[in-house]
Amino acid sequence: MPVNQIIDLAVEAENLGYDYCLIADEGFMPDVYVSLGTIARQTHRIKLGPVTNGYTRHPAVTATALATLNELSGGRALVTLVAGGSMVLPPMGIAREAPLTVVKETIEILRQLWTGGSVSWQGQRYRLEGARLALGPQNIPIWLAGRGPKMLALAGTLADGVVMTVKSDLADALEIVEQGLEPGKPAPYKIYLSNLAYTPEMLAQVVDMLVFIMKDAPPRVLKGFGLTDPEIANIRHVAETSGPPATARFITTDILKKYQIAGTPDECRREFRETVQKHNLDVFLLDVVSPDFQTNLELVRTTHSLIAQP
């Protein structure tokens, strides 16, 4: 959407009662920090943050941008880290190398700079030499989104929240997160990012998103869809050689419903509550992906109404 519509949608979300507004840092869309900063000036309560990575922005630059957002919003900033992905890195010619190292060192740099002191630090990929944040100490939550076992375990070790996106994988993902917990560390927030698909148009959007999941997800996630190893190998091959349209033909109704909550409005409402209760989820994030403002406005309003009904 155009940036003005992104801002209008965030303001409407706060008015409805939503608690979080996260904007993906995809590189070629409206700038995430300009958008969030403007939203901060037009809202009062909703927490704000980018979904960003350590490849397209240096972690020190991200630390400063988030500190600025935190000051501008009166302490409402947070950040969700991802290890890049096929939608943002290839167009920039950036290889997705050492993702675990990139995420781990990004978290380390953010937290060190947010102490407000002078930081000299050496990692495998980044280093700081007498770096100091001009905005002073910051208390900004760090969430981590991932599907691979090492990334999920890292979320248990270092993150304040873990963002998961596949309904059929929630139990397995949370088990891996718990294995990564260190003694005395609070468990991270359990966050499920998805949609409730209750119209044919919404189901079609899920298929469009699933083609990227089929390409990037670890075998554990795809096996949770009921796929065998030969089927997974074939899907990977088609995804690499023929692209999204060819990959979409592998997405059955059964796979779609395992991926996310889908059905009639009543079925979605019931399954949503069962999913939250079963996995003791702390946050549900509504995934807004359409370029059309009215479509997204209707999604935000209808989903809120659906979930809020007794």
Protein backbone atom coordinates (compact mmCIF):
# COMPACT_ATOMS: atom_id res chain seq x y z
CA MET A 1 0.00 0.00 0.00
CA PRO A 2 1.06 3.63 -0.33
CA VAL A 3 2.61 4.95 2.87
CA ASN A 4 -0.37 7.16 3.78
CA GLN A 5 -2.63 4.11 3.68
CA ILE A 6 -0.22 2.13 5.87
CA ILE A 7 -0.42 4.92 8.44
CA ASP A 8 -4.22 5.15 8.21
CA LEU A 9 -4.55 1.39 8.70
CA ALA A 10 -2.32 1.45 11.79
CA VAL A 11 -4.35 4.29 13.31
CA GLU A 12 -7.56 2.36 12.67
CA ALA A 13 -6.03 -0.76 14.25
CA GLU A 14 -5.27 1.15 17.44
CA ASN A 15 -8.79 2.57 17.49
CA LEU A 16 -10.21 -0.95 17.21
CA GLY A 17 -8.08 -2.21 20.10
CA TYR A 18 -5.12 -3.93 18.45
CA ASP A 19 -2.00 -3.98 20.65
CA TYR A 20 0.83 -4.27 18.11
CA CYS A 21 1.70 -2.86 14.70
CA LEU A 22 4.67 -4.51 12.96
CA ILE A 23 5.81 -3.51 9.48
CA ALA A 24 8.01 -5.73 7.31
CA ASP A 25 11.34 -4.21 6.27
CA GLU A 26 11.31 -5.59 2.72
CA GLY A 27 13.65 -3.02 1.23
CA PHE A 28 11.65 -1.89 -1.81
CA MET A 29 8.38 -0.97 -0.08
CA PRO A 30 7.69 2.29 1.84
CA ASP A 31 10.53 2.80 4.30
CA VAL A 32 9.74 1.02 7.54
CA TYR A 33 11.16 3.62 9.94
CA VAL A 34 9.64 6.63 8.20
CA SER A 35 6.29 4.82 8.32
CA LEU A 36 6.62 3.76 11.97
CA GLY A 37 7.81 7.20 13.06
CA THR A 38 4.79 8.84 11.48
CA ILE A 39 2.47 6.25 13.03
CA ALA A 40 4.08 6.95 16.42
CA ARG A 41 3.07 10.62 16.13
CA GLN A 42 -0.54 9.72 15.29
CA THR A 43 -1.13 6.98 17.89
CA HIS A 44 -0.93 6.78 21.68
CA ARG A 45 -1.00 3.16 22.84
CA ILE A 46 -0.19 0.61 20.15
CA LYS A 47 3.33 -0.88 20.25
CA LEU A 48 5.36 -0.36 17.08
CA GLY A 49 8.24 -2.15 15.42
CA PRO A 50 9.90 -3.37 12.24
CA VAL A 51 10.37 -6.95 11.14
CA THR A 52 13.96 -6.58 9.99
CA ASN A 53 17.25 -8.41 9.49
CA GLY A 54 20.99 -8.04 9.87
CA TYR A 55 21.77 -8.38 6.16
CA THR A 56 20.18 -5.31 4.59
CA ARG A 57 20.87 -3.02 7.59
CA HIS A 58 23.88 -3.03 9.89
CA PRO A 59 22.75 -3.90 13.45
CA ALA A 60 24.22 -0.65 14.79
CA VAL A 61 22.10 1.34 12.34
CA THR A 62 19.07 -0.70 13.41
CA ALA A 63 19.87 -0.04 17.08
CA THR A 64 19.88 3.71 16.45
CA ALA A 65 16.69 3.65 14.36
CA LEU A 66 14.85 1.67 17.04
CA ALA A 67 16.08 3.96 19.81
CA THR A 68 14.77 6.91 17.80
CA LEU A 69 11.40 5.19 17.37
CA ASN A 70 11.32 4.35 21.06
CA GLU A 71 11.89 7.98 22.05
CA LEU A 72 9.41 9.29 19.49
CA SER A 73 6.68 6.84 20.61
CA GLY A 74 7.18 7.24 24.36
CA GLY A 75 8.66 3.78 24.90
CA ARG A 76 6.45 1.75 22.55
CA ALA A 77 9.14 0.31 20.26
CA LEU A 78 9.98 -3.36 19.76
CA VAL A 79 11.78 -5.30 17.03
CA THR A 80 11.25 -8.65 15.35
CA LEU A 81 14.35 -10.16 13.77
CA VAL A 82 14.35 -12.57 10.84
CA ALA A 83 17.20 -14.24 8.99
CA GLY A 84 16.40 -12.63 5.65
CA GLY A 85 14.37 -14.55 3.08
CA SER A 86 13.63 -15.09 -0.58
CA MET A 87 11.44 -11.98 -0.88
CA VAL A 88 14.13 -9.46 0.10
CA LEU A 89 17.71 -10.78 -0.22
CA PRO A 90 17.90 -12.07 -3.85
CA PRO A 91 16.66 -8.78 -5.38
CA MET A 92 19.54 -7.04 -3.58
CA GLY A 93 22.06 -9.69 -4.60
CA ILE A 94 22.71 -10.60 -0.96
CA ALA A 95 23.56 -14.21 -0.09
CA ARG A 96 21.83 -15.66 2.97
CA GLU A 97 25.09 -16.75 4.59
CA ALA A 98 25.52 -17.81 8.24
CA PRO A 99 21.95 -16.83 9.27
CA LEU A 100 22.34 -18.03 12.85
CA THR A 101 25.50 -15.94 13.29
CA VAL A 102 23.85 -12.88 11.72
CA VAL A 103 20.83 -13.06 14.05
CA LYS A 104 22.85 -13.87 17.17
CA GLU A 105 25.33 -11.04 16.60
CA THR A 106 22.53 -8.61 15.72
CA ILE A 107 20.90 -9.30 19.09
CA GLU A 108 24.24 -8.87 20.86
CA ILE A 109 24.94 -5.52 19.18
CA LEU A 110 21.42 -4.18 19.84
CA ARG A 111 21.57 -5.01 23.53
CA GLN A 112 25.11 -3.73 24.02
CA LEU A 113 24.40 -0.40 22.32
CA TRP A 114 21.14 -0.05 24.26
CA THR A 115 23.11 -0.01 27.53
CA GLY A 116 24.09 3.54 26.56
CA GLY A 117 27.78 2.92 27.17
CA SER A 118 30.76 2.88 24.82
CA VAL A 119 30.98 -0.48 23.05
CA SER A 120 34.04 -2.13 21.51
CA TRP A 121 33.11 -5.61 20.38
CA GLN A 122 34.29 -8.22 17.90
CA GLY A 123 32.09 -10.92 16.38
CA GLN A 124 32.48 -13.24 13.42
CA ARG A 125 30.60 -10.95 11.07
CA TYR A 126 30.42 -7.52 12.75
CA ARG A 127 32.53 -5.39 15.05
CA LEU A 128 32.18 -2.15 16.96
CA GLU A 129 34.97 0.26 17.91
CA GLY A 130 34.05 2.71 20.68
CA ALA A 131 30.44 2.92 19.47
CA ARG A 132 28.01 4.81 21.69
CA LEU A 133 24.30 5.44 21.18
CA ALA A 134 23.55 9.17 21.40
CA LEU A 135 20.00 8.52 22.63
CA GLY A 136 21.11 6.78 25.82
CA PRO A 137 19.94 3.53 27.45
CA GLN A 138 16.95 1.76 25.91
CA ASN A 139 14.60 -1.00 27.01
CA ILE A 140 13.30 -2.47 23.75
CA PRO A 141 11.92 -6.04 23.47
CA ILE A 142 13.50 -8.30 20.86
CA TRP A 143 11.33 -10.92 19.18
CA LEU A 144 12.72 -13.56 16.84
CA ALA A 145 10.83 -15.18 13.96
CA GLY A 146 12.09 -18.46 12.58
CA ARG A 147 11.24 -22.00 11.57
CA GLY A 148 14.57 -23.85 11.64
CA PRO A 149 15.49 -25.77 14.83
CA LYS A 150 18.65 -23.76 15.51
CA MET A 151 16.84 -20.44 15.12
CA LEU A 152 13.99 -21.58 17.39
CA ALA A 153 16.47 -22.76 20.02
CA LEU A 154 18.22 -19.37 19.78
CA ALA A 155 14.87 -17.69 20.45
CA GLY A 156 14.61 -19.70 23.65
CA THR A 157 18.13 -18.68 24.65
CA LEU A 158 18.17 -14.98 23.76
CA ALA A 159 14.82 -13.54 22.62
CA ASP A 160 11.96 -11.92 24.53
CA GLY A 161 9.43 -13.42 22.12
CA VAL A 162 9.28 -16.08 19.41
CA VAL A 163 7.11 -15.58 16.33
CA MET A 164 5.75 -18.72 14.64
CA THR A 165 3.77 -18.87 11.40
CA VAL A 166 2.65 -22.48 10.79
CA LYS A 167 -0.34 -23.79 12.75
CA SER A 168 0.50 -27.48 12.40
CA ASP A 169 4.05 -26.79 13.62
CA LEU A 170 3.25 -24.78 16.77
CA ALA A 171 3.69 -27.68 19.22
CA ASP A 172 6.98 -28.87 17.69
CA ALA A 173 8.34 -25.32 17.38
CA LEU A 174 7.54 -24.49 21.02
CA GLU A 175 9.19 -27.71 22.18
CA ILE A 176 12.41 -26.67 20.42
CA VAL A 177 12.17 -23.17 21.94
CA GLU A 178 11.81 -24.67 25.43
CA GLN A 179 14.87 -26.85 24.87
CA GLY A 180 16.87 -23.68 24.20
CA LEU A 181 15.86 -22.03 27.48
CA GLU A 182 18.66 -21.40 29.92
CA PRO A 183 18.12 -21.76 33.70
CA GLY A 184 16.58 -18.65 35.18
CA LYS A 185 15.63 -17.08 31.85
CA PRO A 186 11.90 -16.32 31.45
CA ALA A 187 10.25 -18.14 28.58
CA PRO A 188 9.80 -15.89 25.53
CA TYR A 189 6.35 -14.67 24.54
CA LYS A 190 4.58 -17.22 22.33
CA ILE A 191 3.45 -15.35 19.23
CA TYR A 192 1.48 -16.76 16.30
CA LEU A 193 1.53 -14.74 13.05
CA SER A 194 -1.20 -15.78 10.64
CA ASN A 195 -4.68 -15.07 9.34
CA LEU A 196 -8.18 -16.40 9.68
CA ALA A 197 -9.20 -17.35 6.14
CA TYR A 198 -12.99 -17.31 5.85
CA THR A 199 -13.57 -16.18 2.22
CA PRO A 200 -12.40 -17.59 -1.16
CA GLU A 201 -10.28 -14.48 -1.70
CA MET A 202 -8.52 -14.99 1.63
CA LEU A 203 -7.84 -18.63 0.81
CA ALA A 204 -6.27 -17.55 -2.49
CA GLN A 205 -3.97 -15.16 -0.58
CA VAL A 206 -2.89 -18.04 1.65
CA VAL A 207 -1.87 -20.04 -1.42
CA ASP A 208 0.22 -17.09 -2.65
CA MET A 209 2.06 -17.01 0.70
CA LEU A 210 2.41 -20.77 0.96
CA VAL A 211 4.49 -21.02 -2.21
CA PHE A 212 7.28 -19.19 -0.37
CA ILE A 213 6.82 -21.41 2.70
CA MET A 214 7.17 -24.50 0.51
CA LYS A 215 10.47 -23.16 -0.79
CA ASP A 216 12.01 -21.91 2.48
CA ALA A 217 10.56 -24.05 5.29
CA PRO A 218 12.61 -26.83 6.93
CA PRO A 219 11.57 -30.45 6.23
CA ARG A 220 9.99 -30.70 9.72
CA VAL A 221 7.39 -28.11 8.75
CA LEU A 222 6.62 -29.71 5.38
CA LYS A 223 6.30 -33.16 6.94
CA GLY A 224 3.76 -31.60 9.29
CA PHE A 225 1.68 -30.94 6.16
CA GLY A 226 1.64 -34.71 5.56
CA LEU A 227 4.27 -34.66 2.79
CA THR A 228 6.78 -37.46 2.27
CA ASP A 229 10.51 -36.97 1.65
CA PRO A 230 10.19 -37.64 -2.13
CA GLU A 231 7.26 -35.21 -2.34
CA ILE A 232 9.26 -32.55 -0.50
CA ALA A 233 12.25 -33.05 -2.83
CA ASN A 234 9.99 -32.71 -5.86
CA ILE A 235 8.35 -29.53 -4.53
CA ARG A 236 11.75 -27.98 -3.78
CA HIS A 237 12.91 -28.78 -7.31
CA VAL A 238 9.81 -27.25 -8.89
CA ALA A 239 10.08 -24.16 -6.66
CA GLU A 240 13.69 -23.59 -7.71
CA THR A 241 13.26 -24.30 -11.42
CA SER A 242 9.70 -23.18 -12.26
CA GLY A 243 8.74 -20.57 -9.65
CA PRO A 244 5.61 -19.79 -7.59
CA PRO A 245 2.82 -20.57 -10.12
CA ALA A 246 4.11 -24.11 -10.64
CA THR A 247 4.63 -24.60 -6.90
CA ALA A 248 1.04 -23.55 -6.14
CA ARG A 249 -0.37 -26.72 -7.73
CA PHE A 250 1.02 -28.77 -4.82
CA ILE A 251 -1.02 -26.83 -2.24
CA THR A 252 -4.10 -28.88 -1.40
CA THR A 253 -7.01 -27.85 0.83
CA ASP A 254 -5.66 -30.19 3.51
CA ILE A 255 -2.23 -28.49 3.45
CA LEU A 256 -3.86 -25.06 3.54
CA LYS A 257 -5.87 -25.91 6.65
CA LYS A 258 -2.82 -27.36 8.36
CA TYR A 259 -0.90 -24.19 7.59
CA GLN A 260 -3.42 -21.80 9.12
CA ILE A 261 -6.93 -21.36 10.54
CA ALA A 262 -9.46 -21.61 7.70
CA GLY A 263 -13.15 -22.37 7.18
CA THR A 264 -16.46 -20.63 7.83
CA PRO A 265 -16.46 -17.65 10.22
CA ASP A 266 -17.84 -19.85 13.02
CA GLU A 267 -15.24 -22.55 12.34
CA CYS A 268 -12.45 -19.96 12.34
CA ARG A 269 -13.65 -18.43 15.61
CA ARG A 270 -13.80 -21.82 17.30
CA GLU A 271 -10.44 -23.01 15.94
CA PHE A 272 -8.78 -19.73 16.88
CA ARG A 273 -9.80 -20.11 20.52
CA GLU A 274 -8.81 -23.76 20.58
CA THR A 275 -5.39 -22.95 19.11
CA VAL A 276 -4.72 -20.15 21.61
CA GLN A 277 -5.74 -22.36 24.52
CA LYS A 278 -3.93 -25.49 23.32
CA HIS A 279 -0.58 -23.74 22.91
CA ASN A 280 -1.02 -21.09 25.63
CA LEU A 281 -0.31 -18.33 23.11
CA ASP A 282 0.43 -14.80 24.34
CA VAL A 283 -0.04 -12.85 21.11
CA PHE A 284 -1.83 -13.39 17.80
CA LEU A 285 -0.55 -11.22 14.96
CA LEU A 286 -2.83 -10.67 11.97
CA ASP A 287 -0.89 -10.94 8.70
CA VAL A 288 -1.95 -8.09 6.40
CA VAL A 289 -0.54 -8.62 2.89
CA SER A 290 -2.88 -7.14 0.28
CA PRO A 291 -1.82 -4.01 -1.65
CA ASP A 292 -5.46 -2.81 -1.50
CA PHE A 293 -6.33 -0.53 1.40
CA GLN A 294 -10.05 -1.34 1.53
CA THR A 295 -9.33 -5.08 1.53
CA ASN A 296 -6.95 -4.67 4.44
CA LEU A 297 -9.28 -2.34 6.32
CA GLU A 298 -12.07 -4.89 6.03
CA LEU A 299 -9.71 -7.66 7.15
CA VAL A 300 -8.61 -5.74 10.24
CA ARG A 301 -12.17 -4.81 11.20
CA THR A 302 -13.79 -8.18 10.45
CA THR A 303 -11.10 -10.26 12.14
CA HIS A 304 -11.26 -8.12 15.26
CA SER A 305 -15.03 -8.46 15.35
CA LEU A 306 -14.82 -12.21 14.79
CA ILE A 307 -12.31 -12.81 17.57
CA ALA A 308 -13.96 -10.40 20.01
CA GLN A 309 -17.36 -12.11 19.81
CA PRO A 310 -18.26 -14.19 22.88
